[in-house]
Amino acid sequence: MGEHRSLPVPEGLEGERVDAALARLFGLSRTKAADLAADGQVLLDGETVGKSARVVAGSWLEVTLPDPSEPVRIVAQTVAGLRIVFDDDDVVVVDKPVGVAAHPSPGWTGRTVIGGLAGAGYRISTSGADERQGVVHRLDVGTTGLMVVAKSERAYTSLKRQFKERTVDKTYHTLVQGQIDPPRGTIDAPIDRHPQHEYRWAVVSDGKPSVTHYETLEVFRHASLLEVHLETGRTHQIRVHMSAMRHPCAGDLTYGADPVLAKRLGLQRQWLHAHRLAFDHPGSGARVEFSSPYAPDLQRALEIVSAG
């Protein structure tokens, strides 16, 4: 086994099963988290616990995670719900379902976009690291929506440059708690790892520059639907910035969302969707734009909150 982690259980995970809590904290699959508990690698307040035990906020969690040095391989797999939006010799644009990572990584044994494309017979030929073939940007496991994957070397080089120069238009929709004031604006606040919690990110004075533009699309009694444009692409950027504004994404217990509202809306993850994606096609140079409808769980939550 590999890295040992020790931390207090966050309030947002109060009452969760051990396997579910580990999955949310460390990006593990529920199966891998259950295996760790079965192997005696999970302790709460010094006592070994099984996968179905319930965690208590503030209790001390200790876990030994899988060794990050273990080789990561691409496994061709069937990924239900992975929709191909566009495909040619240079790029494939996918609509990613919830619960799917962008690419394999240490500790993640769940489904991936790259594995799903391999399983569907797509050939990726780029110079990216083996497990990240063609991946030029990522979405969180719990975030749905549009991702572009480079299939050719020229596409990989072109898209990496476009993301670096910030000419790719990434438009997200998110349902946040409360009514945000002002209704449109820019959040310019640096982000880096949270000083106390390794699994979270936060606004910190010496972090990396991070800029988020938002506009309110619709206001409800307990929440607001926002359109968000990212100028930078930091890990968890929208989730961190909205939490810092005291309007966390609905369902995002990691960043302070109300668990009561999350349960009422039937949310098992943050209400965040990569709705539109536009970039210059690496082959033709023409501007191309794609859009994605809300995932079913997000649509249901929106219908509930709009009904009052």
Protein backbone atom coordinates (compact mmCIF):
# COMPACT_ATOMS: atom_id res chain seq x y z
CA MET A 1 0.00 0.00 0.00
CA GLY A 2 1.04 3.61 -0.41
CA GLU A 3 0.37 7.03 1.05
CA HIS A 4 -1.09 7.38 4.53
CA ARG A 5 -3.68 10.17 5.02
CA SER A 6 -5.01 11.45 8.32
CA LEU A 7 -7.70 14.14 8.69
CA PRO A 8 -10.94 15.05 10.47
CA VAL A 9 -14.19 14.06 8.74
CA PRO A 10 -15.72 17.20 7.13
CA GLU A 11 -19.17 18.29 8.29
CA GLY A 12 -20.55 17.76 4.79
CA LEU A 13 -19.94 14.01 5.06
CA GLU A 14 -21.83 13.55 8.34
CA GLY A 15 -23.68 10.23 8.30
CA GLU A 16 -22.17 8.97 5.01
CA ARG A 17 -21.06 5.36 4.68
CA VAL A 18 -17.30 4.85 4.88
CA ASP A 19 -17.01 3.73 1.25
CA ALA A 20 -19.02 6.73 0.03
CA ALA A 21 -17.03 9.15 2.19
CA LEU A 22 -13.70 7.82 0.91
CA ALA A 23 -14.91 8.00 -2.67
CA ARG A 24 -15.85 11.67 -2.28
CA LEU A 25 -12.75 12.66 -0.33
CA PHE A 26 -10.09 11.00 -2.45
CA GLY A 27 -11.64 10.40 -5.87
CA LEU A 28 -11.70 6.63 -5.41
CA SER A 29 -14.32 4.31 -6.82
CA ARG A 30 -16.78 2.91 -4.28
CA THR A 31 -15.38 -0.56 -5.01
CA LYS A 32 -11.79 0.50 -4.30
CA ALA A 33 -12.91 2.31 -1.13
CA ALA A 34 -14.77 -0.81 0.03
CA ASP A 35 -11.68 -2.92 -0.68
CA LEU A 36 -9.53 -0.61 1.46
CA ALA A 37 -11.96 -0.97 4.37
CA ALA A 38 -12.07 -4.75 3.94
CA ASP A 39 -8.26 -4.82 4.05
CA GLY A 40 -8.24 -2.97 7.40
CA GLN A 41 -6.79 0.20 5.88
CA VAL A 42 -9.49 2.55 7.24
CA LEU A 43 -9.63 3.77 10.85
CA LEU A 44 -12.06 6.13 12.59
CA ASP A 45 -10.82 7.50 15.91
CA GLY A 46 -8.24 4.70 15.98
CA GLU A 47 -10.72 1.86 15.38
CA THR A 48 -10.75 -0.22 12.20
CA VAL A 49 -14.11 0.14 10.43
CA GLY A 50 -15.92 -1.64 7.61
CA LYS A 51 -17.30 -0.14 4.42
CA SER A 52 -20.86 0.29 5.73
CA ALA A 53 -19.98 2.10 8.97
CA ARG A 54 -21.25 5.68 9.18
CA VAL A 55 -18.81 8.55 9.58
CA VAL A 56 -19.29 11.31 12.14
CA ALA A 57 -18.23 14.89 11.46
CA GLY A 58 -15.07 15.76 13.35
CA SER A 59 -14.04 12.15 13.97
CA TRP A 60 -10.46 11.38 12.99
CA LEU A 61 -10.13 9.44 9.74
CA GLU A 62 -6.99 7.52 8.84
CA VAL A 63 -6.59 5.70 5.54
CA THR A 64 -3.74 4.19 3.57
CA LEU A 65 -4.31 4.94 -0.11
CA PRO A 66 -3.10 2.81 -3.04
CA ASP A 67 0.55 3.38 -3.96
CA PRO A 68 0.67 6.20 -6.55
CA SER A 69 3.70 4.54 -8.09
CA GLU A 70 1.55 1.65 -9.24
CA PRO A 71 1.46 1.65 -13.07
CA VAL A 72 -1.62 3.24 -14.60
CA ARG A 73 -3.01 1.53 -17.68
CA ILE A 74 -5.73 2.40 -20.13
CA VAL A 75 -8.39 -0.28 -19.95
CA ALA A 76 -10.84 -0.41 -22.83
CA GLN A 77 -14.28 -0.34 -21.25
CA THR A 78 -17.92 0.30 -21.96
CA VAL A 79 -18.99 3.64 -20.50
CA ALA A 80 -22.77 3.89 -20.45
CA GLY A 81 -23.99 7.41 -21.17
CA LEU A 82 -20.76 8.60 -22.85
CA ARG A 83 -22.15 10.38 -25.91
CA ILE A 84 -20.08 11.27 -28.98
CA VAL A 85 -21.05 14.80 -30.03
CA PHE A 86 -18.53 15.24 -32.85
CA ASP A 87 -15.79 13.13 -34.40
CA ASP A 88 -13.28 13.50 -37.25
CA ASP A 89 -9.61 12.71 -37.89
CA ASP A 90 -8.39 15.38 -35.44
CA VAL A 91 -10.77 15.57 -32.49
CA VAL A 92 -13.59 13.79 -30.73
CA VAL A 93 -15.98 15.83 -28.60
CA VAL A 94 -17.79 13.87 -25.90
CA ASP A 95 -20.64 14.54 -23.50
CA LYS A 96 -19.33 13.07 -20.23
CA PRO A 97 -21.76 11.46 -17.79
CA VAL A 98 -21.43 11.70 -14.01
CA GLY A 99 -19.10 9.28 -12.23
CA VAL A 100 -16.56 9.17 -15.05
CA ALA A 101 -12.99 10.51 -14.79
CA ALA A 102 -11.20 12.10 -17.75
CA HIS A 103 -8.36 9.57 -17.70
CA PRO A 104 -6.90 6.82 -15.48
CA SER A 105 -4.94 7.89 -12.40
CA PRO A 106 -3.50 6.24 -9.27
CA GLY A 107 -6.28 5.19 -6.92
CA TRP A 108 -9.04 5.54 -9.52
CA THR A 109 -10.42 2.22 -10.73
CA GLY A 110 -13.68 3.57 -12.09
CA ARG A 111 -14.70 4.43 -15.63
CA THR A 112 -12.82 6.99 -17.72
CA VAL A 113 -13.41 8.96 -20.91
CA ILE A 114 -10.18 7.59 -22.41
CA GLY A 115 -11.12 4.02 -21.49
CA GLY A 116 -14.60 4.52 -22.94
CA LEU A 117 -13.20 5.84 -26.22
CA ALA A 118 -10.79 2.91 -26.41
CA GLY A 119 -13.65 0.50 -25.76
CA ALA A 120 -15.66 2.14 -28.56
CA GLY A 121 -12.78 1.67 -31.00
CA TYR A 122 -11.45 5.23 -31.16
CA ARG A 123 -7.74 5.54 -31.91
CA ILE A 124 -5.82 8.32 -30.15
CA SER A 125 -2.34 9.04 -31.54
CA THR A 126 -0.67 11.84 -29.60
CA SER A 127 2.45 12.48 -27.54
CA GLY A 128 0.55 12.87 -24.27
CA ALA A 129 1.36 10.59 -21.33
CA ASP A 130 0.07 7.08 -21.99
CA GLU A 131 -2.81 7.28 -19.54
CA ARG A 132 -3.78 10.79 -20.64
CA GLN A 133 -3.68 10.27 -24.38
CA GLY A 134 -5.26 13.22 -26.15
CA VAL A 135 -6.61 14.83 -22.96
CA VAL A 136 -6.09 18.61 -23.13
CA HIS A 137 -8.53 19.56 -20.34
CA ARG A 138 -10.49 17.73 -17.68
CA LEU A 139 -13.83 17.70 -15.91
CA ASP A 140 -14.27 16.54 -12.32
CA VAL A 141 -15.71 13.04 -11.87
CA GLY A 142 -18.87 14.68 -10.50
CA THR A 143 -19.19 17.26 -13.30
CA THR A 144 -21.02 16.42 -16.52
CA GLY A 145 -20.83 17.91 -19.99
CA LEU A 146 -18.51 18.61 -22.89
CA MET A 147 -14.87 17.56 -23.27
CA VAL A 148 -12.70 17.61 -26.38
CA VAL A 149 -10.04 14.93 -26.86
CA ALA A 150 -7.27 15.31 -29.44
CA LYS A 151 -6.91 12.34 -31.80
CA SER A 152 -3.93 13.58 -33.81
CA GLU A 153 -0.58 15.13 -32.95
CA ARG A 154 -1.44 18.42 -34.67
CA ALA A 155 -4.73 18.59 -32.80
CA TYR A 156 -2.99 17.94 -29.47
CA THR A 157 -0.45 20.71 -30.11
CA SER A 158 -3.10 23.15 -31.35
CA LEU A 159 -5.56 22.58 -28.53
CA LYS A 160 -2.89 22.73 -25.83
CA ARG A 161 -1.85 26.11 -27.25
CA GLN A 162 -5.45 27.36 -27.42
CA PHE A 163 -6.08 26.41 -23.80
CA LYS A 164 -2.82 28.08 -22.74
CA GLU A 165 -3.69 31.26 -24.67
CA ARG A 166 -7.25 31.15 -23.24
CA THR A 167 -8.97 31.27 -26.62
CA VAL A 168 -11.12 28.23 -25.88
CA ASP A 169 -14.59 29.29 -24.73
CA LYS A 170 -15.68 27.09 -21.82
CA THR A 171 -19.25 27.86 -20.72
CA TYR A 172 -20.70 26.18 -17.66
CA HIS A 173 -24.11 26.33 -16.04
CA THR A 174 -24.36 25.92 -12.29
CA LEU A 175 -27.15 26.06 -9.74
CA VAL A 176 -25.89 27.90 -6.66
CA GLN A 177 -27.53 28.39 -3.29
CA GLY A 178 -29.29 31.70 -2.63
CA GLN A 179 -29.49 34.84 -4.77
CA ILE A 180 -26.07 36.10 -5.77
CA ASP A 181 -25.44 39.87 -5.59
CA PRO A 182 -24.48 41.45 -7.91
CA PRO A 183 -26.35 39.26 -10.42
CA ARG A 184 -23.41 39.37 -12.82
CA GLY A 185 -19.74 39.94 -12.19
CA THR A 186 -16.18 38.64 -12.17
CA ILE A 187 -14.46 36.72 -9.40
CA ASP A 188 -10.71 37.33 -9.51
CA ALA A 189 -9.23 35.37 -6.61
CA PRO A 190 -6.14 33.11 -6.56
CA ILE A 191 -6.60 29.38 -5.92
CA ASP A 192 -4.31 26.71 -4.51
CA ARG A 193 -4.55 23.68 -2.27
CA HIS A 194 -6.44 24.22 0.97
CA PRO A 195 -3.96 24.87 3.81
CA GLN A 196 -5.69 22.36 6.14
CA HIS A 197 -7.56 19.91 3.89
CA GLU A 198 -5.53 18.05 1.28
CA TYR A 199 -8.58 16.96 -0.71
CA ARG A 200 -9.87 20.52 -1.19
CA TRP A 201 -8.78 23.69 -2.95
CA ALA A 202 -9.30 27.22 -1.67
CA VAL A 203 -8.84 30.93 -2.31
CA VAL A 204 -5.41 31.70 -0.87
CA SER A 205 -3.33 34.86 -1.18
CA ASP A 206 -0.34 33.20 -2.83
CA GLY A 207 -2.33 30.88 -5.10
CA LYS A 208 -2.45 30.75 -8.89
CA PRO A 209 -4.36 33.55 -10.68
CA SER A 210 -7.96 32.42 -11.21
CA VAL A 211 -10.71 34.38 -12.98
CA THR A 212 -14.38 33.40 -13.23
CA HIS A 213 -17.09 35.43 -15.01
CA TYR A 214 -20.71 34.75 -14.07
CA GLU A 215 -24.18 35.93 -15.06
CA THR A 216 -27.50 35.05 -13.44
CA LEU A 217 -29.89 33.29 -15.83
CA GLU A 218 -32.78 32.60 -13.46
CA VAL A 219 -33.56 33.24 -9.80
CA PHE A 220 -35.54 30.82 -7.63
CA ARG A 221 -36.65 30.94 -4.01
CA HIS A 222 -33.64 29.03 -2.66
CA ALA A 223 -31.15 29.10 -5.53
CA SER A 224 -29.95 30.80 -8.71
CA LEU A 225 -29.02 29.37 -12.09
CA LEU A 226 -25.81 30.94 -13.39
CA GLU A 227 -23.91 30.92 -16.65
CA VAL A 228 -20.18 30.85 -16.00
CA HIS A 229 -17.23 31.53 -18.31
CA LEU A 230 -13.79 30.45 -17.18
CA GLU A 231 -10.85 32.64 -18.08
CA THR A 232 -8.50 30.24 -16.28
CA GLY A 233 -8.90 26.52 -15.62
CA ARG A 234 -7.87 25.72 -12.07
CA THR A 235 -8.90 22.52 -10.33
CA HIS A 236 -12.41 22.94 -8.82
CA GLN A 237 -12.32 26.63 -9.86
CA ILE A 238 -16.07 27.25 -10.13
CA ARG A 239 -16.79 25.25 -6.99
CA VAL A 240 -14.13 27.11 -4.99
CA HIS A 241 -15.08 30.59 -6.23
CA MET A 242 -18.80 30.07 -5.64
CA SER A 243 -18.10 28.75 -2.15
CA ALA A 244 -15.90 31.77 -1.46
CA MET A 245 -18.84 34.01 -2.47
CA ARG A 246 -20.96 32.10 0.09
CA HIS A 247 -23.11 30.71 -2.72
CA PRO A 248 -21.79 27.13 -3.11
CA CYS A 249 -22.95 24.95 -5.98
CA ALA A 250 -26.08 23.10 -4.87
CA GLY A 251 -25.20 19.57 -3.78
CA ASP A 252 -21.48 20.35 -3.37
CA LEU A 253 -21.04 19.13 0.21
CA THR A 254 -17.24 19.27 -0.11
CA TYR A 255 -17.44 23.05 -0.48
CA GLY A 256 -20.11 23.90 2.05
CA ALA A 257 -23.42 23.21 0.34
CA ASP A 258 -26.49 22.62 2.51
CA PRO A 259 -27.04 18.84 2.80
CA VAL A 260 -30.76 19.37 3.50
CA LEU A 261 -31.25 21.25 0.21
CA ALA A 262 -29.11 18.68 -1.62
CA LYS A 263 -31.31 15.87 -0.33
CA ARG A 264 -34.51 17.75 -1.26
CA LEU A 265 -33.20 18.23 -4.80
CA GLY A 266 -32.05 14.62 -5.05
CA LEU A 267 -28.45 15.67 -5.70
CA GLN A 268 -25.59 13.25 -5.08
CA ARG A 269 -23.03 15.69 -6.53
CA GLN A 270 -22.50 19.35 -7.37
CA TRP A 271 -24.99 20.95 -9.79
CA LEU A 272 -22.39 21.87 -12.43
CA HIS A 273 -22.50 21.20 -16.16
CA ALA A 274 -20.10 22.02 -19.01
CA HIS A 275 -22.83 23.36 -21.28
CA ARG A 276 -20.96 24.82 -24.26
CA LEU A 277 -17.48 24.47 -25.74
CA ALA A 278 -15.98 26.46 -28.63
CA PHE A 279 -12.51 26.37 -30.16
CA ASP A 280 -10.66 26.77 -33.46
CA HIS A 281 -10.63 23.45 -35.29
CA PRO A 282 -7.02 22.21 -35.45
CA GLY A 283 -7.42 21.14 -39.07
CA SER A 284 -9.58 23.76 -40.80
CA GLY A 285 -8.97 26.66 -38.43
CA ALA A 286 -12.72 27.34 -38.43
CA ARG A 287 -14.42 28.18 -35.15
CA VAL A 288 -16.55 25.27 -33.98
CA GLU A 289 -19.06 25.28 -31.12
CA PHE A 290 -20.91 22.48 -29.35
CA SER A 291 -23.58 22.36 -26.66
CA SER A 292 -24.89 19.76 -24.24
CA PRO A 293 -28.30 19.44 -22.54
CA TYR A 294 -28.41 19.12 -18.76
CA ALA A 295 -27.82 15.65 -17.35
CA PRO A 296 -31.02 13.95 -16.07
CA ASP A 297 -30.23 14.40 -12.34
CA LEU A 298 -29.52 18.10 -12.85
CA GLN A 299 -32.70 18.60 -14.88
CA ARG A 300 -34.77 16.93 -12.15
CA ALA A 301 -33.18 19.11 -9.46
CA LEU A 302 -33.88 22.23 -11.53
CA GLU A 303 -37.54 21.25 -11.89
CA ILE A 304 -37.84 20.73 -8.12
CA VAL A 305 -36.21 24.05 -7.19
CA SER A 306 -38.25 25.96 -9.79
CA ALA A 307 -41.46 24.58 -8.31
CA GLY A 308 -40.56 26.36 -5.05
